[in-house]
Amino acid sequence: MKSTIALAAVLASALAAPAFAAPESYTLDSRHTFPVFEINHLGFSLQRGRFNKTEGKIVIDRAAKTGSVELAIEAASIDMGIAKWDEHMVSEDFFNAAQFPTITFKSTKVTFQGDKVVGADGDFTLLGVTKPIKVAFAGFACGDHPMNKKPLCGGNATATIKRSDFGMTKYLPGIADEVKIYVPIEAFKD
């Protein structure tokens, strides 16, 4: 009788213990994830461009405070708003999309503040050159999409690189070396 009561107490305490969260996987919504870059042009203005085709995954384990971020951008999907300008940007002068069709980021560490992702360290590959960069996340949140009710995570990622670090040196210093990158991200749970 005592062993039955002891077993019941153990089972009750096990059931009452908090469940451990498992990593959750999310796939980027390519309709709401458009990387944008900003660069100084001749010291007069900031010019912006965006990429229209992006794929990726986010994995979050809130209990362990770990995760991963992977992003693949199709270089030929650059959109500067003018077809001739787009053609120049995909040429060997800049993104050389024929030889290097994909720009990637793969995290090596994800940083949390409480339950929110606030940053990621990782490897950024452009023109076949891979360098470590730091990415900051602002406004990262997860919840149900208000229209389709599917679980969704999203936020805004930012980073700054020097294009010369990746071999993109055409028109330096007139077209600045520093490039600011902004990526609004939305990803649906798998």
Protein backbone atom coordinates (compact mmCIF):
# COMPACT_ATOMS: atom_id res chain seq x y z
CA MET A 1 0.00 0.00 0.00
CA LYS A 2 2.84 2.40 0.87
CA SER A 3 4.55 1.66 -2.47
CA THR A 4 1.31 2.40 -4.34
CA ILE A 5 0.97 5.75 -2.57
CA ALA A 6 4.66 6.53 -3.20
CA LEU A 7 4.29 5.64 -6.90
CA ALA A 8 1.17 7.81 -7.16
CA ALA A 9 3.03 10.72 -5.52
CA VAL A 10 5.95 10.37 -7.96
CA LEU A 11 3.60 10.26 -10.97
CA ALA A 12 1.64 13.25 -9.69
CA SER A 13 4.79 15.32 -9.20
CA ALA A 14 6.08 14.32 -12.64
CA LEU A 15 2.82 15.38 -14.25
CA ALA A 16 2.82 18.66 -12.33
CA ALA A 17 6.41 19.50 -13.36
CA PRO A 18 6.68 22.03 -16.19
CA ALA A 19 7.12 20.49 -19.62
CA PHE A 20 10.36 21.19 -21.41
CA ALA A 21 9.87 23.10 -24.64
CA ALA A 22 11.27 21.59 -27.76
CA PRO A 23 12.90 23.56 -30.54
CA GLU A 24 10.32 25.05 -32.90
CA SER A 25 11.05 25.38 -36.62
CA TYR A 26 9.73 28.22 -38.80
CA THR A 27 9.97 28.73 -42.58
CA LEU A 28 10.38 32.28 -43.91
CA ASP A 29 7.38 33.78 -45.64
CA SER A 30 8.99 35.01 -48.86
CA ARG A 31 6.09 37.43 -49.42
CA HIS A 32 7.05 39.37 -46.27
CA THR A 33 10.83 38.94 -46.10
CA PHE A 34 12.60 41.39 -48.41
CA PRO A 35 16.22 42.25 -47.58
CA VAL A 36 16.93 45.93 -48.19
CA PHE A 37 20.34 47.60 -48.31
CA GLU A 38 21.35 51.24 -48.02
CA ILE A 39 24.58 52.82 -49.25
CA ASN A 40 25.90 56.36 -49.59
CA HIS A 41 26.13 57.51 -53.22
CA LEU A 42 28.86 60.05 -53.97
CA GLY A 43 28.42 61.70 -50.58
CA PHE A 44 25.07 63.17 -51.67
CA SER A 45 22.34 60.65 -50.90
CA LEU A 46 21.50 57.25 -49.51
CA GLN A 47 20.47 54.83 -52.22
CA ARG A 48 18.44 51.74 -51.42
CA GLY A 49 17.82 48.45 -53.15
CA ARG A 50 16.02 45.29 -52.22
CA PHE A 51 16.00 41.62 -53.11
CA ASN A 52 12.70 40.04 -54.12
CA LYS A 53 13.49 36.34 -53.59
CA THR A 54 14.51 35.06 -50.17
CA GLU A 55 14.25 31.67 -48.46
CA GLY A 56 15.20 30.54 -45.00
CA LYS A 57 14.56 28.87 -41.67
CA ILE A 58 14.41 29.98 -38.06
CA VAL A 59 14.64 27.51 -35.17
CA ILE A 60 13.86 28.70 -31.64
CA ASP A 61 14.21 26.84 -28.35
CA ARG A 62 13.00 29.32 -25.73
CA ALA A 63 13.65 26.97 -22.80
CA ALA A 64 17.28 26.40 -23.75
CA LYS A 65 17.70 29.99 -25.07
CA THR A 66 19.17 28.66 -28.32
CA GLY A 67 18.24 28.78 -31.95
CA SER A 68 19.41 29.21 -35.49
CA VAL A 69 18.76 31.47 -38.45
CA GLU A 70 19.46 30.63 -42.08
CA LEU A 71 18.78 32.98 -44.96
CA ALA A 72 19.40 32.55 -48.70
CA ILE A 73 18.93 35.54 -51.01
CA GLU A 74 18.77 35.20 -54.79
CA ALA A 75 21.29 37.80 -56.02
CA ALA A 76 19.59 38.17 -59.43
CA SER A 77 16.35 39.22 -57.70
CA ILE A 78 17.80 42.65 -56.90
CA ASP A 79 15.34 45.48 -57.45
CA MET A 80 16.64 49.04 -57.71
CA GLY A 81 13.46 50.29 -59.37
CA ILE A 82 15.02 50.73 -62.83
CA ALA A 83 15.68 47.74 -65.15
CA LYS A 84 19.01 49.10 -66.48
CA TRP A 85 20.23 49.72 -62.94
CA ASP A 86 19.23 46.17 -61.95
CA GLU A 87 21.25 44.84 -64.91
CA HIS A 88 24.33 46.75 -63.74
CA MET A 89 23.92 45.54 -60.15
CA VAL A 90 23.85 41.84 -61.17
CA SER A 91 26.95 42.30 -63.35
CA GLU A 92 30.56 41.53 -62.38
CA ASP A 93 30.89 45.14 -61.14
CA PHE A 94 28.71 44.39 -58.12
CA PHE A 95 26.81 41.17 -57.23
CA ASN A 96 28.09 39.01 -60.13
CA ALA A 97 24.90 36.94 -59.94
CA ALA A 98 25.91 34.63 -62.81
CA GLN A 99 28.92 33.33 -60.85
CA PHE A 100 27.56 33.83 -57.30
CA PRO A 101 23.78 33.34 -57.48
CA THR A 102 23.16 33.20 -53.73
CA ILE A 103 23.94 35.48 -50.78
CA THR A 104 23.64 33.64 -47.46
CA PHE A 105 23.62 34.10 -43.71
CA LYS A 106 23.94 31.16 -41.34
CA SER A 107 23.95 31.82 -37.61
CA THR A 108 26.51 30.36 -35.24
CA LYS A 109 24.81 31.81 -32.13
CA VAL A 110 21.42 33.32 -31.34
CA THR A 111 21.11 35.77 -28.43
CA PHE A 112 17.99 36.03 -26.28
CA GLN A 113 16.75 38.65 -23.84
CA GLY A 114 14.07 36.84 -21.87
CA ASP A 115 11.97 34.95 -24.45
CA LYS A 116 12.83 37.30 -27.31
CA VAL A 117 15.52 36.88 -29.92
CA VAL A 118 17.61 40.07 -29.93
CA GLY A 119 20.62 39.09 -32.03
CA ALA A 120 22.57 36.52 -33.94
CA ASP A 121 26.22 36.02 -34.75
CA GLY A 122 26.92 34.16 -37.94
CA ASP A 123 28.61 33.70 -41.27
CA PHE A 124 27.63 35.98 -44.16
CA THR A 125 28.62 34.89 -47.67
CA LEU A 126 28.73 37.35 -50.56
CA LEU A 127 30.63 36.88 -53.84
CA GLY A 128 31.94 33.55 -52.53
CA VAL A 129 33.62 35.19 -49.52
CA THR A 130 32.44 34.26 -46.02
CA LYS A 131 32.94 36.60 -43.05
CA PRO A 132 31.47 36.70 -39.55
CA ILE A 133 28.88 39.40 -38.87
CA LYS A 134 26.58 40.42 -36.02
CA VAL A 135 22.87 40.83 -36.65
CA ALA A 136 20.55 42.73 -34.31
CA PHE A 137 16.85 41.87 -34.08
CA ALA A 138 14.28 44.48 -33.04
CA GLY A 139 10.64 43.85 -32.27
CA PHE A 140 10.97 40.07 -32.48
CA ALA A 141 7.66 38.46 -31.50
CA CYS A 142 5.76 35.22 -31.96
CA GLY A 143 2.02 34.64 -32.00
CA ASP A 144 -0.86 33.63 -34.22
CA HIS A 145 -1.28 35.39 -37.56
CA PRO A 146 -4.44 37.52 -37.22
CA MET A 147 -5.94 36.33 -40.52
CA ASN A 148 -4.97 32.70 -41.09
CA LYS A 149 -4.43 31.89 -37.36
CA LYS A 150 -1.16 30.03 -38.07
CA PRO A 151 1.74 30.43 -35.58
CA LEU A 152 4.11 33.14 -36.85
CA CYS A 153 7.33 34.76 -35.68
CA GLY A 154 8.73 37.98 -37.04
CA GLY A 155 10.90 40.98 -36.43
CA ASN A 156 13.41 43.29 -38.04
CA ALA A 157 17.03 42.28 -38.52
CA THR A 158 19.81 44.80 -39.13
CA ALA A 159 23.52 44.50 -39.86
CA THR A 160 26.33 46.59 -41.30
CA ILE A 161 29.09 45.28 -43.55
CA LYS A 162 31.96 46.67 -45.58
CA ARG A 163 31.50 45.58 -49.16
CA SER A 164 35.26 45.62 -49.77
CA ASP A 165 35.62 42.80 -47.20
CA PHE A 166 33.80 40.61 -49.73
CA GLY A 167 35.71 41.81 -52.81
CA MET A 168 33.08 44.31 -54.02
CA THR A 169 35.32 47.31 -54.66
CA LYS A 170 33.93 48.93 -57.82
CA TYR A 171 33.67 52.74 -57.55
CA LEU A 172 35.14 53.00 -54.04
CA PRO A 173 35.18 55.48 -52.34
CA GLY A 174 32.55 57.38 -54.38
CA ILE A 175 30.06 54.65 -53.67
CA ALA A 176 30.64 54.01 -49.97
CA ASP A 177 32.23 50.93 -48.47
CA GLU A 178 29.76 50.69 -45.59
CA VAL A 179 26.47 48.98 -46.42
CA LYS A 180 23.56 48.88 -43.99
CA ILE A 181 21.28 45.87 -44.32
CA TYR A 182 17.67 45.72 -43.11
CA VAL A 183 15.62 42.54 -43.26
CA PRO A 184 11.98 42.50 -42.20
CA ILE A 185 11.32 38.84 -41.39
CA GLU A 186 8.13 36.83 -41.03
CA ALA A 187 8.19 33.05 -40.69
CA PHE A 188 5.39 30.49 -40.24
CA LYS A 189 5.75 27.51 -37.92
CA ASP A 190 6.41 24.25 -39.76
